[in-house]
């Protein structure tokens, strides 16, 4: 199976690139984040024409998640029990069973700044999804949690740790919350690095991408049994190049697991 995750930063703005990428990379399952469109406006026809089914969870604002699958799409759940809001729950989590694997597409709140209420919302959201995933583990179904976590797991996952002191994405509380998710029996799959740099996100500011000033915040957390069968994992930097790209690159993981 080929599983991928990509924060597309507006599925409408990125539609030609998305369709072209699906035709070339041919993932079996793709998790999307920051679709920025209500479900009724999602360009379903263009994606379904490639043989994919879709599960959508979007409200037309800056968030929105989706799962695109060629290996089945059942038991779709939008959001999760106990999900906190800001002030109301947002379109940040979507799960479905694809080819026997329980797949989550998540868009973790940004947090903004350490003294912002959004940071506390981020920590509450992470604690709540841990509870939801813990409950899901009781079923014994293999799990994949994919998406934009807005957390760099270690200092090696940012271009210059000194530049991030006192910032979100690298704080101890955020990293501890992410580690708690991994401790549920998941593995943070490490993609092949480009010139030693494992980054998945580069700010749009001039030169950030070309000078390697990025972060690894888009992650694939795989059930240990599934992770043991991984044959390859990479960041598709080519998708970040050219005219009008997302500021994130897709992460692609190949594995031989079967239910």
C-alpha atoms as a PDB file:
ATOM      1  CA  UNK A   1       0.000   0.000   0.000  1.00  0.00           C
ATOM      2  CA  UNK A   2       1.096   3.551  -0.681  1.00  0.00           C
ATOM      3  CA  UNK A   3      -0.114   6.023   1.941  1.00  0.00           C
ATOM      4  CA  UNK A   4       0.482   9.757   1.680  1.00  0.00           C
ATOM      5  CA  UNK A   5      -0.357  12.968   3.498  1.00  0.00           C
ATOM      6  CA  UNK A   6      -0.354  16.517   2.144  1.00  0.00           C
ATOM      7  CA  UNK A   7      -1.392  19.901   3.470  1.00  0.00           C
ATOM      8  CA  UNK A   8      -2.531  21.382   0.171  1.00  0.00           C
ATOM      9  CA  UNK A   9      -3.293  24.864   1.520  1.00  0.00           C
ATOM     10  CA  UNK A  10      -6.564  25.185  -0.467  1.00  0.00           C
ATOM     11  CA  UNK A  11      -7.709  22.310  -2.639  1.00  0.00           C
ATOM     12  CA  UNK A  12      -9.264  24.710  -5.170  1.00  0.00           C
ATOM     13  CA  UNK A  13      -6.103  26.767  -5.604  1.00  0.00           C
ATOM     14  CA  UNK A  14      -4.040  23.585  -5.850  1.00  0.00           C
ATOM     15  CA  UNK A  15      -6.461  21.431  -7.880  1.00  0.00           C
ATOM     16  CA  UNK A  16      -4.366  21.087 -11.081  1.00  0.00           C
ATOM     17  CA  UNK A  17      -1.320  20.226  -8.997  1.00  0.00           C
ATOM     18  CA  UNK A  18      -3.314  17.761  -6.893  1.00  0.00           C
ATOM     19  CA  UNK A  19      -4.740  15.960  -9.912  1.00  0.00           C
ATOM     20  CA  UNK A  20      -1.345  15.819 -11.573  1.00  0.00           C
ATOM     21  CA  UNK A  21       0.274  14.523  -8.408  1.00  0.00           C
ATOM     22  CA  UNK A  22      -2.346  11.791  -7.973  1.00  0.00           C
ATOM     23  CA  UNK A  23      -1.777  10.685 -11.566  1.00  0.00           C
ATOM     24  CA  UNK A  24       1.989  10.541 -11.056  1.00  0.00           C
ATOM     25  CA  UNK A  25       2.439   9.343  -7.459  1.00  0.00           C
ATOM     26  CA  UNK A  26      -0.620   7.062  -7.519  1.00  0.00           C
ATOM     27  CA  UNK A  27      -1.149   6.688  -3.771  1.00  0.00           C
ATOM     28  CA  UNK A  28      -3.676   4.143  -2.577  1.00  0.00           C
ATOM     29  CA  UNK A  29      -4.687   6.511   0.220  1.00  0.00           C
ATOM     30  CA  UNK A  30      -4.044  10.248   0.488  1.00  0.00           C
ATOM     31  CA  UNK A  31      -4.846  12.337   3.551  1.00  0.00           C
ATOM     32  CA  UNK A  32      -5.376  16.033   2.838  1.00  0.00           C
ATOM     33  CA  UNK A  33      -5.340  18.970   5.227  1.00  0.00           C
ATOM     34  CA  UNK A  34      -6.234  22.647   4.986  1.00  0.00           C
ATOM     35  CA  UNK A  35      -8.638  22.020   2.130  1.00  0.00           C
ATOM     36  CA  UNK A  36     -10.291  25.377   2.916  1.00  0.00           C
ATOM     37  CA  UNK A  37     -13.641  24.482   1.410  1.00  0.00           C
ATOM     38  CA  UNK A  38     -17.049  23.263   2.525  1.00  0.00           C
ATOM     39  CA  UNK A  39     -17.849  19.686   1.583  1.00  0.00           C
ATOM     40  CA  UNK A  40     -20.388  20.733  -1.052  1.00  0.00           C
ATOM     41  CA  UNK A  41     -17.799  22.782  -2.923  1.00  0.00           C
ATOM     42  CA  UNK A  42     -15.041  20.161  -2.999  1.00  0.00           C
ATOM     43  CA  UNK A  43     -14.030  19.334  -6.603  1.00  0.00           C
ATOM     44  CA  UNK A  44     -15.113  15.710  -6.317  1.00  0.00           C
ATOM     45  CA  UNK A  45     -15.493  14.960 -10.018  1.00  0.00           C
ATOM     46  CA  UNK A  46     -11.859  15.657 -10.875  1.00  0.00           C
ATOM     47  CA  UNK A  47     -10.609  13.322  -8.145  1.00  0.00           C
ATOM     48  CA  UNK A  48     -13.242  10.623  -8.607  1.00  0.00           C
ATOM     49  CA  UNK A  49     -12.388  10.506 -12.335  1.00  0.00           C
ATOM     50  CA  UNK A  50      -9.042   9.016 -11.278  1.00  0.00           C
ATOM     51  CA  UNK A  51     -10.769   6.120  -9.533  1.00  0.00           C
ATOM     52  CA  UNK A  52     -10.771   7.463  -5.982  1.00  0.00           C
ATOM     53  CA  UNK A  53     -13.450   7.598  -3.320  1.00  0.00           C
ATOM     54  CA  UNK A  54     -13.569  10.606  -1.015  1.00  0.00           C
ATOM     55  CA  UNK A  55     -14.438  11.330   2.591  1.00  0.00           C
ATOM     56  CA  UNK A  56     -14.701  15.030   3.416  1.00  0.00           C
ATOM     57  CA  UNK A  57     -14.878  17.215   6.494  1.00  0.00           C
ATOM     58  CA  UNK A  58     -14.744  20.921   5.732  1.00  0.00           C
ATOM     59  CA  UNK A  59     -16.664  24.045   6.641  1.00  0.00           C
ATOM     60  CA  UNK A  60     -15.222  26.492   4.126  1.00  0.00           C
ATOM     61  CA  UNK A  61     -12.838  28.249   6.476  1.00  0.00           C
ATOM     62  CA  UNK A  62      -9.056  27.914   6.840  1.00  0.00           C
ATOM     63  CA  UNK A  63      -9.148  24.297   8.001  1.00  0.00           C
ATOM     64  CA  UNK A  64     -10.721  21.202   6.432  1.00  0.00           C
ATOM     65  CA  UNK A  65      -9.527  17.613   6.008  1.00  0.00           C
ATOM     66  CA  UNK A  66     -10.186  14.825   3.511  1.00  0.00           C
ATOM     67  CA  UNK A  67      -9.279  11.209   2.797  1.00  0.00           C
ATOM     68  CA  UNK A  68      -8.911  10.006  -0.786  1.00  0.00           C
ATOM     69  CA  UNK A  69      -8.805   6.221  -1.268  1.00  0.00           C
ATOM     70  CA  UNK A  70      -8.603   3.540  -3.946  1.00  0.00           C
ATOM     71  CA  UNK A  71      -8.721   0.671  -1.434  1.00  0.00           C
ATOM     72  CA  UNK A  72     -12.086   1.240   0.179  1.00  0.00           C
ATOM     73  CA  UNK A  73     -13.559   3.902   2.425  1.00  0.00           C
ATOM     74  CA  UNK A  74     -15.892   2.736   5.171  1.00  0.00           C
ATOM     75  CA  UNK A  75     -16.924   3.698   8.690  1.00  0.00           C
ATOM     76  CA  UNK A  76     -16.229   7.386   8.088  1.00  0.00           C
ATOM     77  CA  UNK A  77     -16.196   9.576  11.206  1.00  0.00           C
ATOM     78  CA  UNK A  78     -15.957  13.359  11.139  1.00  0.00           C
ATOM     79  CA  UNK A  79     -14.310  14.762  14.230  1.00  0.00           C
ATOM     80  CA  UNK A  80     -14.192  12.720  17.423  1.00  0.00           C
ATOM     81  CA  UNK A  81     -15.942  12.420  20.759  1.00  0.00           C
ATOM     82  CA  UNK A  82     -14.827  15.095  23.187  1.00  0.00           C
ATOM     83  CA  UNK A  83     -13.184  17.251  20.523  1.00  0.00           C
ATOM     84  CA  UNK A  84     -12.658  20.778  21.903  1.00  0.00           C
ATOM     85  CA  UNK A  85     -13.381  23.900  19.892  1.00  0.00           C
ATOM     86  CA  UNK A  86     -12.275  27.493  19.525  1.00  0.00           C
ATOM     87  CA  UNK A  87     -14.959  28.096  20.645  1.00  0.00           C
ATOM     88  CA  UNK A  88     -16.782  25.515  18.507  1.00  0.00           C
ATOM     89  CA  UNK A  89     -15.237  22.318  17.103  1.00  0.00           C
ATOM     90  CA  UNK A  90     -13.504  22.851  13.762  1.00  0.00           C
ATOM     91  CA  UNK A  91     -12.964  20.591  10.736  1.00  0.00           C
ATOM     92  CA  UNK A  92      -9.641  19.162  11.886  1.00  0.00           C
ATOM     93  CA  UNK A  93     -10.016  15.373  12.123  1.00  0.00           C
ATOM     94  CA  UNK A  94     -11.458  12.714   9.839  1.00  0.00           C
ATOM     95  CA  UNK A  95     -11.114   8.952  10.051  1.00  0.00           C
ATOM     96  CA  UNK A  96     -12.092   6.018   7.859  1.00  0.00           C
ATOM     97  CA  UNK A  97     -11.130   2.406   7.264  1.00  0.00           C
ATOM     98  CA  UNK A  98      -9.178   1.964   4.027  1.00  0.00           C
ATOM     99  CA  UNK A  99      -7.980  -1.489   3.006  1.00  0.00           C
ATOM    100  CA  UNK A 100      -8.358  -2.727   6.569  1.00  0.00           C
ATOM    101  CA  UNK A 101      -6.304   0.135   8.014  1.00  0.00           C
ATOM    102  CA  UNK A 102      -7.933   2.766  10.217  1.00  0.00           C
ATOM    103  CA  UNK A 103      -6.676   6.026   8.723  1.00  0.00           C
ATOM    104  CA  UNK A 104      -6.894   9.456  10.354  1.00  0.00           C
ATOM    105  CA  UNK A 105      -6.292  12.742   8.547  1.00  0.00           C
ATOM    106  CA  UNK A 106      -5.564  15.423  11.142  1.00  0.00           C
ATOM    107  CA  UNK A 107      -4.851  19.128  11.060  1.00  0.00           C
ATOM    108  CA  UNK A 108      -3.618  20.042  14.524  1.00  0.00           C
ATOM    109  CA  UNK A 109      -4.254  23.649  15.615  1.00  0.00           C
ATOM    110  CA  UNK A 110      -1.321  25.978  14.991  1.00  0.00           C
ATOM    111  CA  UNK A 111      -1.097  27.456  18.469  1.00  0.00           C
ATOM    112  CA  UNK A 112       0.011  30.865  17.169  1.00  0.00           C
ATOM    113  CA  UNK A 113       2.104  32.051  20.139  1.00  0.00           C
ATOM    114  CA  UNK A 114       2.841  30.596  23.555  1.00  0.00           C
ATOM    115  CA  UNK A 115       0.798  33.280  25.313  1.00  0.00           C
ATOM    116  CA  UNK A 116      -2.179  32.983  22.951  1.00  0.00           C
ATOM    117  CA  UNK A 117      -5.414  31.186  23.885  1.00  0.00           C
ATOM    118  CA  UNK A 118      -4.964  29.200  20.672  1.00  0.00           C
ATOM    119  CA  UNK A 119      -1.904  27.527  22.195  1.00  0.00           C
ATOM    120  CA  UNK A 120      -3.963  26.209  25.107  1.00  0.00           C
ATOM    121  CA  UNK A 121      -6.596  25.101  22.603  1.00  0.00           C
ATOM    122  CA  UNK A 122      -3.867  23.194  20.742  1.00  0.00           C
ATOM    123  CA  UNK A 123      -2.819  21.356  23.896  1.00  0.00           C
ATOM    124  CA  UNK A 124      -6.428  20.545  24.792  1.00  0.00           C
ATOM    125  CA  UNK A 125      -7.032  19.283  21.252  1.00  0.00           C
ATOM    126  CA  UNK A 126      -3.977  17.028  21.383  1.00  0.00           C
ATOM    127  CA  UNK A 127      -5.024  15.606  24.751  1.00  0.00           C
ATOM    128  CA  UNK A 128      -8.537  14.965  23.443  1.00  0.00           C
ATOM    129  CA  UNK A 129      -7.423  13.175  20.295  1.00  0.00           C
ATOM    130  CA  UNK A 130      -5.129  11.003  22.395  1.00  0.00           C
ATOM    131  CA  UNK A 131      -8.225   9.905  24.269  1.00  0.00           C
ATOM    132  CA  UNK A 132     -10.060   9.185  21.033  1.00  0.00           C
ATOM    133  CA  UNK A 133      -7.137   7.200  19.626  1.00  0.00           C
ATOM    134  CA  UNK A 134      -6.778   5.268  22.887  1.00  0.00           C
ATOM    135  CA  UNK A 135     -10.412   4.234  22.640  1.00  0.00           C
ATOM    136  CA  UNK A 136      -9.873   3.229  19.028  1.00  0.00           C
ATOM    137  CA  UNK A 137      -6.896   1.067  19.958  1.00  0.00           C
ATOM    138  CA  UNK A 138      -9.192  -1.085  22.064  1.00  0.00           C
ATOM    139  CA  UNK A 139     -10.686  -2.485  18.863  1.00  0.00           C
ATOM    140  CA  UNK A 140      -7.334  -3.946  17.870  1.00  0.00           C
ATOM    141  CA  UNK A 141      -7.541  -2.399  14.403  1.00  0.00           C
ATOM    142  CA  UNK A 142      -4.251  -1.226  12.885  1.00  0.00           C
ATOM    143  CA  UNK A 143      -3.933   2.543  12.878  1.00  0.00           C
ATOM    144  CA  UNK A 144      -2.372   5.300  10.783  1.00  0.00           C
ATOM    145  CA  UNK A 145      -2.517   8.923  11.943  1.00  0.00           C
ATOM    146  CA  UNK A 146      -1.397  11.281   9.193  1.00  0.00           C
ATOM    147  CA  UNK A 147      -1.343  14.999   8.716  1.00  0.00           C
ATOM    148  CA  UNK A 148      -0.076  18.416   9.604  1.00  0.00           C
ATOM    149  CA  UNK A 149       0.722  18.193  13.310  1.00  0.00           C
ATOM    150  CA  UNK A 150       2.165  21.711  13.565  1.00  0.00           C
ATOM    151  CA  UNK A 151       4.839  20.193  15.824  1.00  0.00           C
ATOM    152  CA  UNK A 152       8.484  19.521  14.985  1.00  0.00           C
ATOM    153  CA  UNK A 153       9.253  16.368  17.007  1.00  0.00           C
ATOM    154  CA  UNK A 154      12.907  17.257  17.727  1.00  0.00           C
ATOM    155  CA  UNK A 155      15.412  20.048  17.167  1.00  0.00           C
ATOM    156  CA  UNK A 156      16.681  18.076  14.165  1.00  0.00           C
ATOM    157  CA  UNK A 157      13.309  18.748  12.536  1.00  0.00           C
ATOM    158  CA  UNK A 158      13.794  22.533  12.241  1.00  0.00           C
ATOM    159  CA  UNK A 159      16.365  24.387  10.187  1.00  0.00           C
ATOM    160  CA  UNK A 160      17.802  26.316  13.132  1.00  0.00           C
ATOM    161  CA  UNK A 161      16.623  25.560  16.686  1.00  0.00           C
ATOM    162  CA  UNK A 162      17.889  28.928  17.885  1.00  0.00           C
ATOM    163  CA  UNK A 163      15.406  30.663  15.584  1.00  0.00           C
ATOM    164  CA  UNK A 164      12.481  28.930  17.313  1.00  0.00           C
ATOM    165  CA  UNK A 165      13.259  29.596  20.964  1.00  0.00           C
ATOM    166  CA  UNK A 166      10.103  30.824  22.639  1.00  0.00           C
ATOM    167  CA  UNK A 167       7.920  29.789  19.695  1.00  0.00           C
ATOM    168  CA  UNK A 168       5.161  27.295  19.161  1.00  0.00           C
ATOM    169  CA  UNK A 169       5.767  24.067  17.224  1.00  0.00           C
ATOM    170  CA  UNK A 170       8.851  23.252  19.330  1.00  0.00           C
ATOM    171  CA  UNK A 171       7.732  23.803  22.930  1.00  0.00           C
ATOM    172  CA  UNK A 172       8.181  21.049  25.474  1.00  0.00           C
ATOM    173  CA  UNK A 173       4.431  20.735  26.069  1.00  0.00           C
ATOM    174  CA  UNK A 174       3.687  20.240  22.366  1.00  0.00           C
ATOM    175  CA  UNK A 175       6.443  17.692  21.926  1.00  0.00           C
ATOM    176  CA  UNK A 176       5.318  15.813  25.012  1.00  0.00           C
ATOM    177  CA  UNK A 177       1.766  15.691  23.647  1.00  0.00           C
ATOM    178  CA  UNK A 178       3.051  14.287  20.348  1.00  0.00           C
ATOM    179  CA  UNK A 179       5.218  11.738  22.179  1.00  0.00           C
ATOM    180  CA  UNK A 180       2.107  10.629  24.092  1.00  0.00           C
ATOM    181  CA  UNK A 181       0.411   9.822  20.775  1.00  0.00           C
ATOM    182  CA  UNK A 182       3.401   7.815  19.586  1.00  0.00           C
ATOM    183  CA  UNK A 183       3.422   5.962  22.918  1.00  0.00           C
ATOM    184  CA  UNK A 184       0.047   4.474  22.039  1.00  0.00           C
ATOM    185  CA  UNK A 185       1.973   1.954  19.932  1.00  0.00           C
ATOM    186  CA  UNK A 186       2.689   4.066  16.872  1.00  0.00           C
ATOM    187  CA  UNK A 187       5.897   4.918  15.062  1.00  0.00           C
ATOM    188  CA  UNK A 188       6.834   8.281  13.582  1.00  0.00           C
ATOM    189  CA  UNK A 189       7.950   7.063  10.153  1.00  0.00           C
ATOM    190  CA  UNK A 190      11.147   8.841   9.163  1.00  0.00           C
ATOM    191  CA  UNK A 191      11.193   9.717   5.453  1.00  0.00           C
ATOM    192  CA  UNK A 192      14.337   9.816   3.389  1.00  0.00           C
ATOM    193  CA  UNK A 193      16.006  13.181   3.856  1.00  0.00           C
ATOM    194  CA  UNK A 194      17.127  15.490   1.066  1.00  0.00           C
ATOM    195  CA  UNK A 195      20.755  16.507   1.590  1.00  0.00           C
ATOM    196  CA  UNK A 196      20.324  15.704   5.252  1.00  0.00           C
ATOM    197  CA  UNK A 197      17.213  17.879   5.573  1.00  0.00           C
ATOM    198  CA  UNK A 198      13.949  16.047   6.414  1.00  0.00           C
ATOM    199  CA  UNK A 199      11.657  19.060   6.032  1.00  0.00           C
ATOM    200  CA  UNK A 200       8.042  19.045   4.824  1.00  0.00           C
ATOM    201  CA  UNK A 201       7.152  22.727   5.239  1.00  0.00           C
ATOM    202  CA  UNK A 202       8.828  25.933   4.091  1.00  0.00           C
ATOM    203  CA  UNK A 203       7.384  29.397   4.632  1.00  0.00           C
ATOM    204  CA  UNK A 204       6.478  31.274   1.445  1.00  0.00           C
ATOM    205  CA  UNK A 205       8.976  34.008   2.304  1.00  0.00           C
ATOM    206  CA  UNK A 206      11.576  34.452  -0.415  1.00  0.00           C
ATOM    207  CA  UNK A 207      14.427  31.992  -0.233  1.00  0.00           C
ATOM    208  CA  UNK A 208      13.130  29.777   2.566  1.00  0.00           C
ATOM    209  CA  UNK A 209      12.570  26.751   0.342  1.00  0.00           C
ATOM    210  CA  UNK A 210      15.678  27.144  -1.786  1.00  0.00           C
ATOM    211  CA  UNK A 211      17.953  27.694   1.214  1.00  0.00           C
ATOM    212  CA  UNK A 212      16.543  24.745   3.137  1.00  0.00           C
ATOM    213  CA  UNK A 213      14.956  26.766   5.928  1.00  0.00           C
ATOM    214  CA  UNK A 214      12.095  24.447   6.719  1.00  0.00           C
ATOM    215  CA  UNK A 215      10.486  22.230   9.323  1.00  0.00           C
ATOM    216  CA  UNK A 216       9.250  18.645   9.541  1.00  0.00           C
ATOM    217  CA  UNK A 217       5.714  19.047  10.841  1.00  0.00           C
ATOM    218  CA  UNK A 218       3.800  16.753   8.443  1.00  0.00           C
ATOM    219  CA  UNK A 219       3.954  13.276   9.910  1.00  0.00           C
ATOM    220  CA  UNK A 220       2.822   9.708   9.342  1.00  0.00           C
ATOM    221  CA  UNK A 221       2.344   7.817  12.600  1.00  0.00           C
ATOM    222  CA  UNK A 222       1.914   4.126  11.834  1.00  0.00           C
ATOM    223  CA  UNK A 223       0.892   1.211  13.982  1.00  0.00           C
ATOM    224  CA  UNK A 224       4.080  -0.659  14.920  1.00  0.00           C
ATOM    225  CA  UNK A 225       2.915  -3.789  13.089  1.00  0.00           C
ATOM    226  CA  UNK A 226       2.384  -1.764   9.916  1.00  0.00           C
ATOM    227  CA  UNK A 227       5.582   0.260  10.342  1.00  0.00           C
ATOM    228  CA  UNK A 228       7.569  -2.970  10.477  1.00  0.00           C
ATOM    229  CA  UNK A 229       6.611  -3.591   6.826  1.00  0.00           C
ATOM    230  CA  UNK A 230       7.613  -0.149   5.481  1.00  0.00           C
ATOM    231  CA  UNK A 231       9.723  -0.437   2.327  1.00  0.00           C
ATOM    232  CA  UNK A 232      10.202   3.247   1.570  1.00  0.00           C
ATOM    233  CA  UNK A 233       9.245   6.697   2.835  1.00  0.00           C
ATOM    234  CA  UNK A 234      10.037  10.011   1.219  1.00  0.00           C
ATOM    235  CA  UNK A 235       9.135  13.686   1.012  1.00  0.00           C
ATOM    236  CA  UNK A 236       8.120  14.724  -2.490  1.00  0.00           C
ATOM    237  CA  UNK A 237       9.960  18.055  -2.666  1.00  0.00           C
ATOM    238  CA  UNK A 238       9.149  18.367  -6.366  1.00  0.00           C
ATOM    239  CA  UNK A 239       5.539  19.080  -5.392  1.00  0.00           C
ATOM    240  CA  UNK A 240       6.767  22.179  -3.538  1.00  0.00           C
ATOM    241  CA  UNK A 241       8.472  23.552  -6.656  1.00  0.00           C
ATOM    242  CA  UNK A 242       7.169  25.547  -9.595  1.00  0.00           C
ATOM    243  CA  UNK A 243       4.311  28.004  -9.851  1.00  0.00           C
ATOM    244  CA  UNK A 244       1.698  28.225  -7.125  1.00  0.00           C
ATOM    245  CA  UNK A 245       2.668  25.310  -4.856  1.00  0.00           C
ATOM    246  CA  UNK A 246       1.424  24.641  -1.357  1.00  0.00           C
ATOM    247  CA  UNK A 247       3.899  25.606   1.342  1.00  0.00           C
ATOM    248  CA  UNK A 248       3.953  21.921   2.348  1.00  0.00           C
ATOM    249  CA  UNK A 249       5.255  18.887   0.445  1.00  0.00           C
ATOM    250  CA  UNK A 250       3.575  15.472   0.445  1.00  0.00           C
ATOM    251  CA  UNK A 251       4.969  12.691   2.628  1.00  0.00           C
ATOM    252  CA  UNK A 252       4.715   9.248   1.000  1.00  0.00           C
ATOM    253  CA  UNK A 253       5.066   5.886   2.751  1.00  0.00           C
ATOM    254  CA  UNK A 254       5.097   2.462   1.060  1.00  0.00           C
ATOM    255  CA  UNK A 255       4.503  -0.713   3.072  1.00  0.00           C
ATOM    256  CA  UNK A 256       3.581  -4.364   2.552  1.00  0.00           C
ATOM    257  CA  UNK A 257       1.189  -4.819   5.473  1.00  0.00           C
ATOM    258  CA  UNK A 258      -2.122  -6.565   4.954  1.00  0.00           C
ATOM    259  CA  UNK A 259      -4.947  -7.075   7.479  1.00  0.00           C
END
